[in-house]
Amino acid sequence: MSVRLPRPSMATTALPLHPIPHRNLPPALSPPSPSPSLKQLCKEGDLREALRLLAARAAPGRPPPTEHYGWVLDLVAARRAAAEGRQVHAHAVATGSLRDDDGGFLATKLLFMYGKCGRLVEARRLFDGMPARTVFSWNALIGAYLSSGSAGEALGVYRAMRASEPVAAPDGHSKLVEEGKYYLDMMVSKYRLQPWQEHYACVVDLLGRSGQTEEAYKFIKSMPVEPKSVVWCALLGACRVHKNHELAVVATDKLLELEPDNPGNYVLVSNVFAEMGKWNNVKEVRTRMTERGLRKDPACSWIEIGNSIHTFTARDHSHRDSQAIHLKLAEITEKLRKEGGYVEDTSFVLHDVNEEEKIGLLHRHSERLAIAFGLISTSSGTPLRIAKNLRVCGDCHEFTKLVSKLFEREIVVRDANRFHHFSGGSCSCGDFW
C-alpha cells in the first residue's frame, strides 16, 4: 500500500543539523579503509567503524547506496544509539540520499531507528514529512508508539492508515478492548491470517489494562492454541497491577512450567509471593532458583552525559560524585514531599524488613541516582534519558512523574518492558506497564 500526500520534500523537513557530539568518531571525509566490508562490520556490531566507513564512501555527487544506510541504521536501532542515528540522518540529508529516496526505503529505516530509540517526536516529524508512505512506514510509526505504551496513539495511526486520513484515538480502555477484539477477529475472518501468540497477548493486555483480569483469564482458556509464556506474562502483569494475587499465582505456575530455566520467571513468582506477604514461599522459590544454578541480574541504570556513560546500581556509592548525587537525591525527595505530596509506597519493596528500612531501600534505587546525577550535570530544561535493565517499580515510576513536573524536565526511561516518556507529571504508559 502506498499513499501519496501533498507534503514538502524530505530534504526540507529533516531534523535541523545542529552540532551533535561525535563520540570521537573519525571525520566525515576520512580515507576509505581496505578492511572488512560495511555489511560485515554491521553484522559484527562494530558501530564506530561502520559509521566511519559509511562516511568515507560518500563523495560529491556520489552518495552511498541506500542499502548501506539501511545496514548502519539497523545496527544503530539495535544499540539504541540515538545520537549516532541523528548523524546518519544528517549525513543522508547532506548527500541528497534522503531527497532521492523515491521508494521511501531510507526514510522508513530512519523512522524505525527513531522508534527503537524512543524518539517519538523525531519519528512523528519524519513520518509527517514523508511525501509517500508505505505499509512499512505506517508499521514503523505504530511500533514506535507501542514501544512507549501509547496504545491509543498506535490505534489512531492504524486507523488512519486504513482510512488514509487522521482519525482520533478512542477514549478509555473499554473502547480499546472492543477495538482490539475487533481487529483480532478481522485478522482471521477477513484476511485469513493465523494470529501469533503476541496477538493474543495484546488482547490479554488490553483486558488487563481495564481491570478485567478474570475476563482475560477466560479469554486465555478460550484460545484455539496452547498459550505460551508471552500470554501468561501479560496476565501476570495485569494481576499485579490490580492485586488479583490468586490469579497471579496461576500465571506464575504456568510460566515456571513453560520456562523452568528462565531466572526472570522465578523472580516474578518470588515478587508475587512477596506482595502477598508469603515470605516462606519467597524463600522456597529462591532456593529452587539457587538449586538450578540460576541468578538474577542485579538492577542497574545508566545515563549518558556528554560523551560518557554513567552507570549506577542500587545503594551505589562508587561514583566519583557520589556525595553530591546523594545530597541532590535527598533534596529532590524533600521537594517532592512538600510540593507534590509524595509518600513512599513501601509495598514495592519485596523484602521482609521494617518500614524504615523499606523507605531507605526505595530512596536508593538505581534510577533515582541516575536522575539525581542528571539534574546536577545538565542545564535547566535539558531532557534526561535513562536506561534500566529491569522493570521500573511503581514507586520509582510515581517519583519520576513528580520530578518531571516539579523540576520541569522531560525524562525518558527505557526499562525492560518499554520506553516511559515522563512529562508534566504524567507518563506515556498511562501507569500500566
Protein backbone atom coordinates (compact mmCIF):
# COMPACT_ATOMS: atom_id res chain seq x y z
CA MET A 1 0.00 0.00 0.00
CA SER A 2 1.33 3.43 -0.92
CA VAL A 3 -0.40 6.70 -0.15
CA ARG A 4 0.68 9.91 -1.90
CA LEU A 5 0.39 13.01 0.21
CA PRO A 6 0.86 16.70 -0.60
CA ARG A 7 3.90 17.03 1.67
CA PRO A 8 7.11 19.01 1.27
CA SER A 9 10.28 17.16 0.34
CA MET A 10 12.23 15.23 2.95
CA ALA A 11 15.22 17.50 2.50
CA THR A 12 13.28 20.43 3.89
CA THR A 13 11.59 18.59 6.76
CA ALA A 14 14.52 16.66 8.17
CA LEU A 15 15.79 17.49 11.60
CA PRO A 16 17.92 20.64 11.82
CA LEU A 17 21.62 19.91 11.52
CA HIS A 18 22.68 21.23 14.89
CA PRO A 19 26.11 20.05 16.01
CA ILE A 20 25.96 16.60 17.57
CA PRO A 21 28.72 15.08 19.73
CA HIS A 22 30.74 12.69 17.59
CA ARG A 23 31.90 10.44 20.43
CA ASN A 24 35.41 10.53 18.92
CA LEU A 25 34.23 9.17 15.58
CA PRO A 26 36.54 9.91 12.60
CA PRO A 27 35.66 12.96 10.47
CA ALA A 28 33.23 12.60 7.57
CA LEU A 29 35.92 12.67 4.88
CA SER A 30 38.28 10.08 6.35
CA PRO A 31 40.00 8.00 3.65
CA PRO A 32 38.37 4.63 2.97
CA SER A 33 39.81 1.56 4.67
CA PRO A 34 40.51 -1.72 2.89
CA SER A 35 39.41 -3.66 5.98
CA PRO A 36 36.06 -5.55 6.39
CA SER A 37 33.01 -4.62 4.31
CA LEU A 38 30.34 -2.32 5.72
CA LYS A 39 27.82 -5.14 5.81
CA GLN A 40 30.27 -7.33 7.75
CA LEU A 41 31.04 -4.54 10.22
CA CYS A 42 27.33 -4.08 10.89
CA LYS A 43 26.84 -7.82 11.31
CA GLU A 44 29.70 -7.87 13.84
CA GLY A 45 28.22 -4.90 15.72
CA ASP A 46 31.16 -2.54 15.14
CA LEU A 47 29.21 0.72 15.04
CA ARG A 48 32.23 3.00 15.25
CA GLU A 49 33.93 1.50 12.20
CA ALA A 50 30.64 1.16 10.31
CA LEU A 51 29.96 4.90 10.71
CA ARG A 52 33.50 5.72 9.64
CA LEU A 53 33.25 3.57 6.54
CA LEU A 54 29.80 4.91 5.60
CA ALA A 55 31.14 8.47 5.79
CA ALA A 56 34.26 7.54 3.84
CA ARG A 57 32.25 6.19 0.93
CA ALA A 58 30.48 9.49 0.33
CA ALA A 59 31.79 11.69 -2.46
CA PRO A 60 30.40 14.83 -4.16
CA GLY A 61 27.60 13.70 -6.47
CA ARG A 62 28.06 10.07 -5.46
CA PRO A 63 26.32 9.24 -2.16
CA PRO A 64 26.49 5.76 -0.62
CA PRO A 65 23.79 3.29 -1.76
CA THR A 66 20.64 3.44 0.35
CA GLU A 67 21.10 -0.18 1.42
CA HIS A 68 24.36 0.87 3.09
CA TYR A 69 22.43 3.38 5.17
CA GLY A 70 19.96 0.61 5.96
CA TRP A 71 22.64 -1.71 7.37
CA VAL A 72 24.04 1.02 9.60
CA LEU A 73 20.61 2.18 10.78
CA ASP A 74 19.65 -1.38 11.74
CA LEU A 75 22.76 -1.52 13.94
CA VAL A 76 22.03 1.93 15.39
CA ALA A 77 18.48 0.79 16.24
CA ALA A 78 19.75 -2.39 17.90
CA ARG A 79 22.14 -0.31 20.03
CA ARG A 80 19.51 2.39 20.77
CA ALA A 81 22.26 4.83 19.74
CA ALA A 82 20.08 7.87 19.02
CA ALA A 83 22.94 10.38 18.72
CA GLU A 84 24.64 8.30 16.02
CA GLY A 85 21.25 7.82 14.34
CA ARG A 86 20.80 11.58 14.10
CA GLN A 87 24.23 11.82 12.49
CA VAL A 88 23.31 9.22 9.89
CA HIS A 89 20.07 11.17 9.27
CA ALA A 90 22.02 14.41 8.79
CA HIS A 91 24.51 12.63 6.51
CA ALA A 92 21.67 11.28 4.36
CA VAL A 93 20.28 14.81 4.01
CA ALA A 94 23.69 16.31 3.19
CA THR A 95 24.44 13.73 0.46
CA GLY A 96 20.98 14.04 -1.09
CA SER A 97 20.20 10.38 -0.41
CA LEU A 98 17.05 11.21 1.52
CA ARG A 99 15.85 13.65 -1.15
CA ASP A 100 16.22 10.97 -3.84
CA ASP A 101 14.62 8.24 -1.71
CA ASP A 102 11.63 7.76 -4.04
CA GLY A 103 10.62 4.36 -2.65
CA GLY A 104 10.74 5.52 0.96
CA PHE A 105 13.23 2.79 1.98
CA LEU A 106 15.69 5.12 3.69
CA ALA A 107 13.01 7.26 5.36
CA THR A 108 11.36 4.13 6.74
CA LYS A 109 14.68 2.85 8.09
CA LEU A 110 15.18 6.19 9.83
CA LEU A 111 11.64 6.04 11.21
CA PHE A 112 12.23 2.53 12.54
CA MET A 113 15.50 3.65 14.14
CA TYR A 114 13.91 6.63 15.90
CA GLY A 115 11.13 4.39 17.20
CA LYS A 116 13.60 1.85 18.59
CA CYS A 117 15.48 4.70 20.30
CA GLY A 118 12.29 6.01 21.91
CA ARG A 119 12.42 9.30 19.98
CA LEU A 120 8.70 9.75 19.32
CA VAL A 121 8.92 13.45 18.41
CA GLU A 122 11.59 12.82 15.76
CA ALA A 123 9.74 9.74 14.48
CA ARG A 124 6.47 11.64 14.10
CA ARG A 125 8.16 14.64 12.47
CA LEU A 126 9.87 12.39 9.96
CA PHE A 127 6.66 10.48 9.24
CA ASP A 128 4.63 13.67 8.74
CA GLY A 129 7.21 14.92 6.26
CA MET A 130 7.23 11.80 4.07
CA PRO A 131 5.91 12.57 0.55
CA ALA A 132 4.85 8.91 0.17
CA ARG A 133 4.01 6.38 2.86
CA THR A 134 4.11 2.61 2.53
CA VAL A 135 2.72 -0.07 4.81
CA PHE A 136 6.25 -0.38 6.22
CA SER A 137 6.44 3.27 7.27
CA TRP A 138 2.99 3.11 8.86
CA ASN A 139 4.03 -0.04 10.76
CA ALA A 140 7.24 1.63 11.91
CA LEU A 141 5.30 4.54 13.44
CA ILE A 142 2.79 2.18 15.07
CA GLY A 143 5.70 0.24 16.57
CA ALA A 144 7.26 3.45 17.88
CA TYR A 145 4.11 4.33 19.80
CA LEU A 146 3.63 0.80 21.10
CA SER A 147 7.19 0.64 22.45
CA SER A 148 6.29 3.63 24.64
CA GLY A 149 2.97 2.20 25.81
CA SER A 150 0.93 4.68 23.77
CA ALA A 151 -1.74 2.21 22.65
CA GLY A 152 -4.34 4.88 21.83
CA GLU A 153 -1.97 6.74 19.51
CA ALA A 154 -0.91 3.47 17.87
CA LEU A 155 -4.53 2.55 17.16
CA GLY A 156 -5.17 6.03 15.82
CA VAL A 157 -2.28 5.65 13.37
CA TYR A 158 -3.52 2.21 12.33
CA ARG A 159 -7.00 3.51 11.59
CA ALA A 160 -5.53 6.48 9.79
CA MET A 161 -3.53 4.06 7.64
CA ARG A 162 -6.69 2.17 6.71
CA ALA A 163 -8.64 5.38 6.01
CA SER A 164 -5.64 7.39 4.69
CA GLU A 165 -6.67 10.29 6.87
CA PRO A 166 -6.21 11.27 10.53
CA VAL A 167 -8.70 9.72 12.95
CA ALA A 168 -8.89 10.49 16.66
CA ALA A 169 -7.91 7.70 19.04
CA PRO A 170 -10.65 6.21 21.21
CA ASP A 171 -11.04 7.37 24.79
CA GLY A 172 -10.90 4.90 27.65
CA HIS A 173 -9.63 1.34 28.00
CA SER A 174 -13.06 -0.24 27.44
CA LYS A 175 -13.23 1.07 23.88
CA LEU A 176 -9.68 -0.10 23.27
CA VAL A 177 -10.66 -3.60 24.40
CA GLU A 178 -13.55 -3.79 21.94
CA GLU A 179 -11.42 -2.42 19.15
CA GLY A 180 -8.62 -4.88 19.94
CA LYS A 181 -11.02 -7.81 19.77
CA TYR A 182 -12.43 -6.44 16.53
CA TYR A 183 -9.00 -6.35 14.89
CA LEU A 184 -8.13 -9.83 16.11
CA ASP A 185 -11.36 -11.15 14.60
CA MET A 186 -10.66 -9.22 11.38
CA MET A 187 -7.27 -10.93 11.04
CA VAL A 188 -8.96 -14.33 10.94
CA SER A 189 -12.32 -13.68 9.26
CA LYS A 190 -11.34 -11.08 6.66
CA TYR A 191 -7.62 -11.56 5.99
CA ARG A 192 -7.39 -15.31 6.78
CA LEU A 193 -4.33 -14.74 8.99
CA GLN A 194 -3.41 -17.01 11.86
CA PRO A 195 -2.81 -14.83 14.94
CA TRP A 196 0.53 -15.20 16.71
CA GLN A 197 0.88 -15.66 20.45
CA GLU A 198 1.78 -11.96 20.65
CA HIS A 199 -1.60 -11.00 19.15
CA TYR A 200 -3.44 -12.97 21.82
CA ALA A 201 -1.17 -11.43 24.46
CA CYS A 202 -2.19 -7.97 23.23
CA VAL A 203 -5.87 -8.73 23.88
CA VAL A 204 -4.99 -10.08 27.34
CA ASP A 205 -3.04 -6.88 27.95
CA LEU A 206 -5.98 -4.72 26.84
CA LEU A 207 -8.36 -6.59 29.14
CA GLY A 208 -5.86 -6.30 31.94
CA ARG A 209 -5.45 -2.56 31.49
CA SER A 210 -9.18 -2.13 32.02
CA GLY A 211 -9.09 -4.26 35.19
CA GLN A 212 -10.83 -7.26 33.62
CA THR A 213 -8.36 -9.86 34.87
CA GLU A 214 -10.93 -12.66 35.16
CA GLU A 215 -12.16 -11.92 31.64
CA ALA A 216 -8.54 -12.05 30.47
CA TYR A 217 -8.17 -15.50 32.03
CA LYS A 218 -11.37 -16.68 30.33
CA PHE A 219 -10.03 -15.37 27.02
CA ILE A 220 -6.79 -17.32 27.52
CA LYS A 221 -8.72 -20.53 28.21
CA SER A 222 -10.73 -19.97 25.01
CA MET A 223 -7.66 -19.60 22.79
CA PRO A 224 -7.59 -22.10 19.89
CA VAL A 225 -3.86 -22.68 20.53
CA GLU A 226 -1.95 -23.50 23.70
CA PRO A 227 -0.95 -20.18 25.33
CA LYS A 228 2.78 -19.60 25.69
CA SER A 229 4.79 -17.54 28.15
CA VAL A 230 4.16 -14.18 26.46
CA VAL A 231 0.41 -14.60 27.10
CA TRP A 232 0.86 -15.62 30.74
CA CYS A 233 3.26 -12.71 31.28
CA ALA A 234 0.58 -10.31 30.05
CA LEU A 235 -1.92 -11.79 32.50
CA LEU A 236 0.59 -11.68 35.35
CA GLY A 237 1.31 -8.01 34.70
CA ALA A 238 -2.41 -7.19 34.89
CA CYS A 239 -2.88 -9.27 38.05
CA ARG A 240 -0.05 -7.49 39.84
CA VAL A 241 -1.38 -4.04 38.93
CA HIS A 242 -4.94 -4.90 40.02
CA LYS A 243 -3.89 -7.02 43.04
CA ASN A 244 -5.52 -10.24 41.85
CA HIS A 245 -2.99 -12.41 43.69
CA GLU A 246 -4.90 -15.67 43.34
CA LEU A 247 -4.89 -15.45 39.55
CA ALA A 248 -1.30 -14.18 39.60
CA VAL A 249 -0.23 -17.46 41.21
CA VAL A 250 -1.94 -19.37 38.37
CA ALA A 251 0.01 -17.31 35.82
CA THR A 252 3.33 -17.76 37.61
CA ASP A 253 2.84 -21.53 37.87
CA LYS A 254 2.27 -21.66 34.12
CA LEU A 255 5.40 -19.58 33.49
CA LEU A 256 7.57 -21.93 35.56
CA GLU A 257 6.04 -24.94 33.80
CA LEU A 258 6.74 -23.49 30.34
CA GLU A 259 10.17 -21.99 31.04
CA PRO A 260 11.72 -23.73 34.08
CA ASP A 261 15.21 -22.39 33.32
CA ASN A 262 14.27 -18.73 32.89
CA PRO A 263 15.54 -16.86 36.00
CA GLY A 264 13.21 -13.94 35.27
CA ASN A 265 10.19 -16.16 35.85
CA TYR A 266 11.42 -17.19 39.31
CA VAL A 267 11.91 -13.53 40.18
CA LEU A 268 8.33 -12.79 39.09
CA VAL A 269 6.98 -15.67 41.18
CA SER A 270 9.04 -14.56 44.17
CA ASN A 271 7.75 -11.00 43.80
CA VAL A 272 4.13 -12.15 43.67
CA PHE A 273 4.55 -14.09 46.92
CA ALA A 274 6.36 -11.12 48.49
CA GLU A 275 3.46 -8.83 47.57
CA MET A 276 1.15 -11.31 49.32
CA GLY A 277 3.40 -11.37 52.40
CA LYS A 278 4.11 -15.09 51.98
CA TRP A 279 7.79 -14.94 52.91
CA ASN A 280 8.21 -18.69 53.35
CA ASN A 281 7.10 -19.15 49.73
CA VAL A 282 9.57 -16.44 48.69
CA LYS A 283 12.41 -18.36 50.36
CA GLU A 284 11.26 -21.60 48.72
CA VAL A 285 11.27 -20.06 45.24
CA ARG A 286 14.70 -18.51 45.77
CA THR A 287 16.02 -21.86 47.00
CA ARG A 288 14.71 -23.59 43.86
CA MET A 289 16.38 -20.90 41.80
CA THR A 290 19.70 -21.48 43.55
CA GLU A 291 19.43 -25.25 43.15
CA ARG A 292 19.03 -24.79 39.40
CA GLY A 293 22.08 -22.54 39.29
CA LEU A 294 20.04 -19.56 38.15
CA ARG A 295 20.92 -15.99 39.07
CA LYS A 296 19.01 -12.73 38.96
CA ASP A 297 20.74 -9.86 37.19
CA PRO A 298 21.43 -7.04 39.66
CA ALA A 299 19.41 -3.90 38.94
CA CYS A 300 21.37 -1.10 37.30
CA SER A 301 20.59 2.14 35.49
CA TRP A 302 22.72 4.29 33.24
CA ILE A 303 22.60 7.79 31.83
CA GLU A 304 24.68 9.43 29.11
CA ILE A 305 26.11 12.86 29.89
CA GLY A 306 28.22 14.36 27.12
CA ASN A 307 30.22 11.51 25.67
CA SER A 308 30.31 9.40 28.83
CA ILE A 309 28.02 6.67 30.14
CA HIS A 310 27.47 6.75 33.92
CA THR A 311 26.18 3.52 35.49
CA PHE A 312 24.53 3.14 38.89
CA THR A 313 23.42 0.17 40.96
CA ALA A 314 21.07 0.24 43.96
CA ARG A 315 22.66 1.83 47.04
CA ASP A 316 25.64 2.79 44.87
CA HIS A 317 28.41 4.96 46.37
CA SER A 318 31.12 4.18 43.81
CA HIS A 319 30.62 7.22 41.54
CA ARG A 320 33.20 9.99 41.88
CA ASP A 321 30.35 12.45 42.57
CA SER A 322 28.57 10.10 44.96
CA GLN A 323 28.28 12.61 47.82
CA ALA A 324 26.77 15.30 45.59
CA ILE A 325 24.41 12.76 43.99
CA HIS A 326 23.03 11.55 47.33
CA LEU A 327 22.67 15.12 48.63
CA LYS A 328 20.75 16.05 45.45
CA LEU A 329 18.56 12.97 45.77
CA ALA A 330 17.68 13.93 49.35
CA GLU A 331 16.83 17.45 48.14
CA ILE A 332 14.64 16.07 45.35
CA THR A 333 12.78 13.75 47.72
CA GLU A 334 12.10 16.55 50.19
CA LYS A 335 10.79 18.82 47.42
CA LEU A 336 8.50 16.05 46.15
CA ARG A 337 7.11 15.52 49.64
CA LYS A 338 6.45 19.20 50.31
CA GLU A 339 5.22 20.31 46.89
CA GLY A 340 3.98 17.10 45.25
CA GLY A 341 2.52 15.19 48.17
CA TYR A 342 4.90 12.31 47.59
CA VAL A 343 4.57 9.42 50.04
CA GLU A 344 6.70 6.31 49.61
CA ASP A 345 4.73 3.21 48.66
CA THR A 346 6.65 0.51 50.51
CA SER A 347 4.52 -2.27 49.03
CA PHE A 348 7.01 -2.24 46.16
CA VAL A 349 9.86 -3.25 48.49
CA LEU A 350 9.79 -7.02 48.28
CA HIS A 351 11.95 -7.71 51.33
CA ASP A 352 10.91 -8.80 54.81
CA VAL A 353 12.23 -5.73 56.67
CA ASN A 354 10.67 -2.93 58.72
CA GLU A 355 9.07 0.18 57.22
CA GLU A 356 12.03 2.46 57.84
CA GLU A 357 14.37 0.07 56.06
CA LYS A 358 11.92 -0.25 53.18
CA ILE A 359 11.84 3.53 52.71
CA GLY A 360 15.63 3.59 52.74
CA LEU A 361 15.77 0.89 50.07
CA LEU A 362 13.36 2.82 47.84
CA HIS A 363 15.40 6.01 48.16
CA ARG A 364 18.49 4.29 46.82
CA HIS A 365 17.06 2.62 43.72
CA SER A 366 19.44 2.95 40.78
CA GLU A 367 17.19 5.05 38.52
CA ARG A 368 16.82 7.69 41.24
CA LEU A 369 20.59 8.01 41.48
CA ALA A 370 20.74 8.42 37.68
CA ILE A 371 18.03 11.11 37.81
CA ALA A 372 19.83 12.99 40.59
CA PHE A 373 23.09 12.86 38.67
CA GLY A 374 21.33 14.04 35.50
CA LEU A 375 19.85 17.05 37.31
CA ILE A 376 23.20 18.20 38.72
CA SER A 377 25.06 17.55 35.45
CA THR A 378 22.78 19.28 32.91
CA SER A 379 21.31 22.74 32.48
CA SER A 380 17.71 23.58 33.32
CA GLY A 381 15.20 22.18 30.82
CA THR A 382 17.56 19.58 29.33
CA PRO A 383 15.77 16.23 28.77
CA LEU A 384 17.15 13.27 30.73
CA ARG A 385 17.44 9.87 29.04
CA ILE A 386 17.96 6.89 31.31
CA ALA A 387 18.01 3.14 30.73
CA LYS A 388 17.42 0.34 33.25
CA ASN A 389 17.97 -3.37 32.80
CA LEU A 390 14.92 -4.36 34.87
CA ARG A 391 11.32 -3.19 35.19
CA VAL A 392 10.84 0.17 36.93
CA CYS A 393 8.99 -0.27 40.23
CA GLY A 394 5.71 1.54 40.85
CA ASP A 395 7.12 3.88 43.47
CA CYS A 396 10.02 4.96 41.26
CA HIS A 397 7.51 5.48 38.45
CA GLU A 398 5.49 7.86 40.65
CA PHE A 399 8.69 9.52 41.85
CA THR A 400 9.81 10.17 38.26
CA LYS A 401 6.41 11.59 37.26
CA LEU A 402 6.66 14.13 40.09
CA VAL A 403 10.26 15.02 39.18
CA SER A 404 9.19 15.71 35.58
CA LYS A 405 6.52 18.08 36.88
CA LEU A 406 8.27 19.90 39.72
CA PHE A 407 11.66 20.19 38.01
CA GLU A 408 10.12 20.82 34.57
CA ARG A 409 12.15 18.15 32.83
CA GLU A 410 11.25 15.64 30.16
CA ILE A 411 12.54 12.28 31.38
CA VAL A 412 12.69 9.21 29.16
CA VAL A 413 13.34 5.89 30.89
CA ARG A 414 13.78 2.68 28.94
CA ASP A 415 13.22 -0.28 31.24
CA ALA A 416 12.94 -3.99 30.48
CA ASN A 417 9.35 -3.54 29.24
CA ARG A 418 9.20 -0.31 27.24
CA PHE A 419 10.07 3.36 26.95
CA HIS A 420 8.46 5.64 29.54
CA HIS A 421 8.11 9.27 28.47
CA PHE A 422 7.59 11.39 31.58
CA SER A 423 6.47 14.98 31.15
CA GLY A 424 4.46 17.40 33.28
CA GLY A 425 3.66 14.75 35.88
CA SER A 426 2.36 12.02 33.57
CA CYS A 427 3.81 9.07 31.66
CA SER A 428 3.16 7.78 28.15
CA CYS A 429 2.38 4.29 29.51
CA GLY A 430 -0.72 5.52 31.33
CA ASP A 431 0.61 3.94 34.55
CA PHE A 432 0.34 0.42 33.15
CA TRP A 433 3.47 -1.45 32.10
